[in-house]
Protein backbone atom coordinates (compact mmCIF):
# COMPACT_ATOMS: atom_id res chain seq x y z
CA MET A 1 -136.09 43.99 43.15
CA SER A 2 -134.38 46.37 43.84
CA ARG A 3 -130.78 46.39 43.53
CA LEU A 4 -128.40 47.87 45.79
CA VAL A 5 -125.36 49.68 43.33
CA HIS A 6 -122.44 50.70 45.68
CA ALA A 7 -120.30 52.93 44.53
CA GLY A 8 -117.97 53.10 47.47
CA SER A 9 -114.78 51.35 48.00
CA ALA A 10 -113.69 48.11 49.43
CA VAL A 11 -110.31 48.01 51.29
CA VAL A 12 -108.52 44.75 53.12
CA ASP A 13 -108.50 44.30 56.90
CA HIS A 14 -106.12 43.17 59.07
CA VAL A 15 -107.46 42.98 62.43
CA TYR A 16 -105.50 43.11 65.66
CA ARG A 17 -107.43 42.33 68.42
CA ILE A 18 -105.30 43.33 71.81
CA ASP A 19 -106.49 44.39 75.68
CA MET A 20 -105.49 48.41 75.37
CA LEU A 21 -103.99 50.33 72.68
CA PRO A 22 -100.31 50.82 73.31
CA LEU A 23 -98.65 53.87 74.55
CA PRO A 24 -96.56 55.85 71.58
CA GLY A 25 -93.42 54.06 71.32
CA ALA A 26 -94.52 51.07 73.04
CA GLU A 27 -95.68 47.69 71.41
CA LYS A 28 -98.06 45.07 72.10
CA THR A 29 -98.59 41.45 70.89
CA ALA A 30 -102.13 41.10 69.96
CA ALA A 31 -104.61 38.37 71.08
CA SER A 32 -105.44 37.56 67.20
CA TYR A 33 -105.31 38.59 64.16
CA ASP A 34 -107.28 38.14 61.21
CA ARG A 35 -107.18 39.32 57.29
CA VAL A 36 -111.05 40.16 56.11
CA ALA A 37 -112.64 41.84 53.80
CA GLY A 38 -113.42 45.51 54.97
CA GLY A 39 -114.77 49.06 53.98
CA GLY A 40 -117.54 49.03 52.37
CA PHE A 41 -118.05 45.23 52.20
CA ASN A 42 -119.73 44.97 55.61
CA MET A 43 -122.30 48.01 54.03
CA MET A 44 -122.82 45.76 51.21
CA VAL A 45 -122.95 41.89 53.46
CA ALA A 46 -125.82 43.64 55.34
CA ALA A 47 -127.68 44.06 52.54
CA ARG A 48 -127.37 41.16 50.78
CA ARG A 49 -127.76 38.86 53.91
CA THR A 50 -131.45 40.88 54.40
CA GLY A 51 -132.11 39.73 51.16
CA MET A 52 -131.62 43.31 49.08
CA PRO A 53 -129.64 41.79 45.42
CA VAL A 54 -126.13 43.74 45.92
CA VAL A 55 -123.55 44.94 43.15
CA PHE A 56 -120.19 46.16 43.54
CA ALA A 57 -119.42 49.39 41.11
CA GLY A 58 -116.24 50.59 43.16
CA ARG A 59 -112.66 50.21 41.95
CA HIS A 60 -110.84 47.49 42.94
CA GLY A 61 -107.09 46.08 42.12
CA THR A 62 -104.80 43.87 40.69
CA GLY A 63 -103.06 41.96 43.35
CA PRO A 64 -103.50 39.98 45.85
CA ASN A 65 -105.60 42.77 47.63
CA GLY A 66 -108.03 43.00 44.47
CA ASP A 67 -108.11 38.92 44.37
CA PHE A 68 -108.91 38.66 48.01
CA LEU A 69 -111.64 41.17 47.64
CA ARG A 70 -113.28 39.27 44.40
CA ALA A 71 -113.36 36.10 46.29
CA ALA A 72 -115.00 37.58 49.21
CA PHE A 73 -117.55 39.32 47.13
CA ALA A 74 -118.40 36.14 45.23
CA THR A 75 -118.81 33.91 48.76
CA GLU A 76 -121.32 36.86 49.37
CA ARG A 77 -123.04 36.66 45.79
CA ILE A 78 -122.28 40.16 44.86
CA GLU A 79 -121.56 40.68 41.23
CA VAL A 80 -118.90 43.11 40.74
CA LEU A 81 -119.84 45.86 37.62
CA THR A 82 -116.22 46.85 37.09
CA PRO A 83 -112.89 45.41 35.91
CA PRO A 84 -110.23 45.18 37.76
CA ALA A 85 -107.61 48.31 37.69
CA PRO A 86 -104.62 47.41 35.82
CA GLU A 87 -101.97 49.46 37.16
CA LEU A 88 -103.03 49.30 41.25
CA ASP A 89 -103.79 46.99 44.46
CA SER A 90 -106.60 47.36 45.78
CA GLY A 91 -105.82 49.35 49.34
CA ASN A 92 -105.57 48.15 52.83
CA CYS A 93 -106.27 48.92 56.78
CA VAL A 94 -105.04 48.21 59.73
CA VAL A 95 -107.69 47.58 63.09
CA MET A 96 -106.94 47.36 66.34
CA VAL A 97 -109.83 46.22 67.93
CA SER A 98 -109.62 46.60 72.02
CA ALA A 99 -111.29 44.95 75.04
CA ASP A 100 -113.96 47.63 75.24
CA ALA A 101 -114.96 46.60 71.39
CA GLU A 102 -113.82 49.86 70.16
CA ARG A 103 -112.06 49.91 67.14
CA THR A 104 -109.28 52.23 65.73
CA PHE A 105 -108.23 52.37 62.44
CA VAL A 106 -105.08 53.36 60.09
CA SER A 107 -105.55 52.66 56.25
CA TRP A 108 -103.74 53.23 53.05
CA PRO A 109 -105.60 53.79 49.83
CA GLY A 110 -105.34 52.00 46.75
CA ALA A 111 -107.23 51.30 43.36
CA GLU A 112 -110.46 52.52 45.34
CA GLY A 113 -108.33 55.91 45.76
CA THR A 114 -108.45 56.76 42.28
CA LEU A 115 -111.23 56.96 39.88
CA CYS A 116 -112.15 58.99 37.21
CA ALA A 117 -115.62 59.31 35.02
CA ALA A 118 -114.91 56.56 32.77
CA ASP A 119 -115.11 54.61 35.55
CA LEU A 120 -118.25 54.93 36.51
CA PRO A 121 -120.79 54.69 33.36
CA ALA A 122 -124.67 55.37 33.82
CA ALA A 123 -125.10 51.86 31.84
CA PHE A 124 -124.47 50.98 35.66
CA LEU A 125 -127.80 51.53 36.50
CA GLU A 126 -131.44 49.97 36.06
CA ALA A 127 -134.87 51.05 36.95
CA GLY A 128 -136.08 50.50 40.61
CA ASP A 129 -131.86 50.74 41.58
CA TRP A 130 -130.44 52.11 44.92
CA VAL A 131 -127.21 53.86 44.96
CA PHE A 132 -124.86 53.77 47.83
CA THR A 133 -121.66 55.78 48.65
CA SER A 134 -119.80 56.63 51.48
CA GLY A 135 -117.51 59.74 52.36
CA TYR A 136 -113.91 57.61 52.03
CA THR A 137 -114.03 57.55 48.62
CA LEU A 138 -115.00 61.07 48.66
CA SER A 139 -111.83 61.99 50.76
CA TYR A 140 -109.65 60.96 48.38
CA PRO A 141 -107.99 63.31 46.49
CA GLY A 142 -107.77 61.20 43.19
CA SER A 143 -111.58 59.93 43.46
CA ARG A 144 -113.66 62.72 44.57
CA ASP A 145 -114.35 65.25 41.68
CA ALA A 146 -115.36 62.22 39.38
CA LEU A 147 -117.37 60.65 41.81
CA ALA A 148 -119.23 63.63 43.13
CA SER A 149 -120.11 64.33 39.38
CA TRP A 150 -121.89 61.13 38.64
CA ILE A 151 -123.67 61.46 41.78
CA GLU A 152 -124.92 64.77 40.87
CA ALA A 153 -126.06 62.74 37.10
CA LEU A 154 -127.66 60.42 38.91
CA PRO A 155 -131.29 59.84 37.44
CA PRO A 156 -133.66 61.90 39.85
CA GLU A 157 -135.99 58.23 39.88
CA ILE A 158 -133.02 56.86 41.48
CA PRO A 159 -132.74 56.82 45.28
CA PHE A 160 -128.75 57.92 46.31
CA VAL A 161 -128.00 57.05 50.13
CA PHE A 162 -124.87 58.83 51.60
CA ASP A 163 -122.51 58.00 54.95
CA PRO A 164 -120.32 60.64 55.44
CA THR A 165 -118.06 58.25 57.57
CA PRO A 166 -115.59 59.55 59.78
CA VAL A 167 -113.44 61.16 57.48
CA VAL A 168 -116.62 63.77 56.78
CA SER A 169 -114.45 66.81 57.60
CA GLU A 170 -111.50 65.54 55.30
CA ILE A 171 -113.74 65.78 52.50
CA PRO A 172 -113.92 69.41 50.71
CA LYS A 173 -116.95 71.41 52.01
CA ASP A 174 -117.88 72.15 48.17
CA ILE A 175 -117.60 68.11 47.57
CA LEU A 176 -119.58 67.89 50.86
CA ALA A 177 -122.40 69.92 49.75
CA ARG A 178 -122.77 69.04 46.28
CA VAL A 179 -123.07 65.49 47.01
CA LEU A 180 -125.43 66.10 50.31
CA ALA A 181 -127.64 68.56 47.98
CA ARG A 182 -128.02 65.14 45.84
CA THR A 183 -128.73 62.87 49.02
CA SER A 184 -131.96 61.11 49.17
CA TRP A 185 -131.38 58.96 52.50
CA LEU A 186 -128.28 60.13 54.51
CA SER A 187 -127.67 57.98 57.56
CA CYS A 188 -124.61 58.98 59.70
CA ASN A 189 -123.76 58.83 63.41
CA ALA A 190 -123.89 61.49 66.20
CA ALA A 191 -120.54 63.11 65.59
CA GLU A 192 -120.62 63.24 62.18
CA ALA A 193 -123.66 64.86 61.76
CA ALA A 194 -122.01 67.68 64.39
CA ALA A 195 -119.36 67.90 62.67
CA ILE A 196 -121.36 68.89 59.71
CA THR A 197 -123.30 71.02 61.34
CA GLY A 198 -121.82 72.20 64.60
CA THR A 199 -124.13 71.16 67.12
CA ALA A 200 -124.13 68.24 69.05
CA ASP A 201 -127.86 67.77 69.94
CA VAL A 202 -129.31 65.31 67.39
CA ALA A 203 -132.25 66.51 67.14
CA THR A 204 -131.22 70.49 66.23
CA GLY A 205 -128.47 68.32 63.90
CA ALA A 206 -131.22 67.11 62.03
CA GLU A 207 -133.55 69.83 61.15
CA LEU A 208 -130.34 71.34 60.55
CA LEU A 209 -128.90 68.83 58.00
CA MET A 210 -132.58 68.58 56.38
CA SER A 211 -132.77 72.01 56.25
CA ARG A 212 -129.82 73.72 55.27
CA HIS A 213 -127.77 70.67 53.88
CA CYS A 214 -129.99 67.78 52.33
CA PRO A 215 -132.68 69.98 50.62
CA HIS A 216 -133.79 67.49 48.24
CA ALA A 217 -133.77 64.32 51.20
CA ALA A 218 -136.52 61.90 52.01
CA GLY A 219 -135.50 61.54 55.16
CA LEU A 220 -132.82 61.06 57.60
CA VAL A 221 -130.82 59.14 60.05
CA ILE A 222 -128.74 59.93 62.87
CA ARG A 223 -127.35 56.39 64.49
CA SER A 224 -125.98 56.97 68.31
CA GLY A 225 -125.12 53.19 69.39
CA GLU A 226 -127.04 51.61 71.75
CA ALA A 227 -129.02 54.69 72.04
CA GLY A 228 -130.90 54.06 68.97
CA ALA A 229 -131.48 56.16 65.90
CA HIS A 230 -133.03 59.38 65.15
CA VAL A 231 -135.31 59.59 62.10
CA LEU A 232 -135.99 62.74 60.83
CA LEU A 233 -138.11 62.17 57.45
CA ARG A 234 -139.29 65.33 54.74
CA ASP A 235 -142.69 65.98 56.05
CA GLY A 236 -141.60 66.89 59.18
CA ARG A 237 -142.21 63.58 61.19
CA SER A 238 -139.88 62.45 63.36
CA GLN A 239 -138.63 59.55 66.32
CA THR A 240 -135.86 58.37 68.01
CA ILE A 241 -135.79 54.64 67.52
CA PRO A 242 -134.27 52.86 70.67
CA GLY A 243 -131.32 50.75 70.26
CA PHE A 244 -130.66 47.14 72.28
CA LYS A 245 -128.31 46.89 75.27
CA VAL A 246 -126.32 43.98 74.17
CA ALA A 247 -122.88 42.68 75.16
CA ALA A 248 -120.72 43.96 72.77
CA VAL A 249 -117.12 42.31 71.60
CA ASP A 250 -117.01 44.57 68.84
CA THR A 251 -117.96 47.53 67.17
CA ASN A 252 -116.31 47.37 63.46
CA GLY A 253 -118.89 47.55 61.28
CA ALA A 254 -122.05 48.13 63.51
CA GLY A 255 -122.51 51.48 61.44
CA ASP A 256 -122.19 49.56 57.65
CA THR A 257 -124.50 46.72 59.09
CA HIS A 258 -127.21 49.47 60.31
CA ILE A 259 -127.06 51.02 56.73
CA GLY A 260 -127.48 48.15 54.79
CA ALA A 261 -130.11 46.12 57.03
CA PHE A 262 -131.61 50.12 56.89
CA VAL A 263 -131.85 50.56 53.03
CA SER A 264 -132.49 46.98 52.77
CA ALA A 265 -135.72 47.20 54.61
CA LEU A 266 -136.98 50.22 53.01
CA ALA A 267 -136.50 49.38 49.68
CA ARG A 268 -138.67 46.41 50.16
CA GLY A 269 -141.51 48.74 51.05
CA GLU A 270 -140.97 48.93 54.84
CA SER A 271 -141.55 52.35 56.76
CA PRO A 272 -138.41 54.38 58.03
CA PHE A 273 -139.27 53.77 61.17
CA ALA A 274 -139.56 50.08 61.23
CA ALA A 275 -136.79 49.95 59.19
CA ALA A 276 -134.65 51.78 61.58
CA ARG A 277 -136.01 49.32 64.47
CA TYR A 278 -135.16 46.48 62.17
CA ALA A 279 -131.49 48.53 61.83
CA ASN A 280 -130.71 48.73 64.83
CA ALA A 281 -131.51 44.93 65.38
CA ALA A 282 -128.87 43.93 62.86
CA ALA A 283 -126.22 46.16 64.50
CA ALA A 284 -126.99 45.04 68.03
CA ILE A 285 -126.54 41.38 66.88
CA SER A 286 -123.12 42.21 64.81
CA VAL A 287 -121.44 44.10 67.85
CA THR A 288 -122.05 40.55 69.84
CA ARG A 289 -120.04 39.06 67.09
CA HIS A 290 -116.05 39.55 65.98
CA GLY A 291 -115.74 41.33 62.37
CA GLY A 292 -116.39 43.98 60.50
CA SER A 293 -118.44 41.24 58.32
CA SER A 294 -120.47 40.26 61.02
CA ALA A 295 -124.27 41.21 59.87
CA PRO A 296 -126.75 39.11 60.53
CA THR A 297 -129.22 37.64 58.37
CA ASP A 298 -133.49 38.38 57.66
CA ALA A 299 -134.53 35.24 59.77
CA GLU A 300 -131.72 36.02 62.41
CA ILE A 301 -132.66 39.92 62.77
CA ASN A 302 -136.55 38.34 63.00
CA ASP A 303 -135.88 36.07 65.79
CA PHE A 304 -133.96 38.95 67.26
CA LEU A 305 -136.94 41.31 67.57
CA ALA A 306 -139.36 38.17 68.00
CA ALA A 307 -137.22 37.56 71.29
CA MET A 308 -137.37 41.18 72.35
CA ARG A 309 -141.42 41.77 72.29
CA PRO A 310 -142.32 40.50 76.10
CA LEU A 311 -139.41 42.47 77.18
CA GLU A 312 -140.70 45.76 75.55
CA GLN A 313 -144.48 44.86 76.63
CA THR A 314 -143.39 44.76 80.42
CA ASP A 315 -141.81 48.10 79.78
CA GLN A 316 -144.84 49.71 78.45
CA ASP A 317 -146.76 48.27 81.25
CA ARG A 318 -144.18 49.72 83.39
CA GLY A 319 -144.74 53.51 81.42
CA ARG A 320 -141.66 53.26 80.09
CA ILE A 321 -142.10 52.74 75.81
CA THR A 322 -138.67 51.64 74.15
CA ALA A 323 -139.99 50.70 71.10
């Protein structure tokens, strides 16, 4: 069975739930607080809960944050391939989730922000592996060069999945270009796609990403929340897969859940369009739950999709295709 090798970063999230963001200089008392594993952990959990073995090849620290993350990995049965960095603890992120389900981040990198070539040996990889990284690790001055070089040197038969994340504009253009050139599958949201291509039109942006930035990609996904996901394949086929309208309480980790579920479905042989629908359902379920690592299981996703079929058939009968 294919493994997901996550070569990104994981951090400890400090999550505050508030009604709205405070004004500058003001103070706000949170309705609740939680300390959870976050960052790349959310994507790994989504892949693992949907049936894909996952290993973590990123950097993690020595200290309370690193200990906390390793305990979370063990709980989710995610193997850690790398030893703790002896000189640094793992980083953290303050996450403020407001009543409209939106999330706002303030992060402080730790061990995951310092990476050298020796931290990513090729010996990690096995036949059939899929490799993933995100823009966060590529935005850190102390890690991006080594990670970009390692990605470029990946064996050609290893699929590489890339999520540029909201920090895409902080990644040096030459580093971003090198990574996109090796990308097999790109998954980003509409704002990130626009930051790379300069156009807000999703279909046009997808064409530009494929033709100008990802010359070797098998396909790409542009996520637009409940509006769905636009999928473009190398052979020119494209489809916008509608999302699902749900009552969202927390959008933190929704993109991570989508990517993890999508890769898991692809790796087990689903078509890209079917994998995107599966991932849309996973993300829809996740936003109805609190917490970034709220990804559903494969059984939960399939139950959700089964419940949607009668409604979808009704809509088609009315002449409005929703899937």
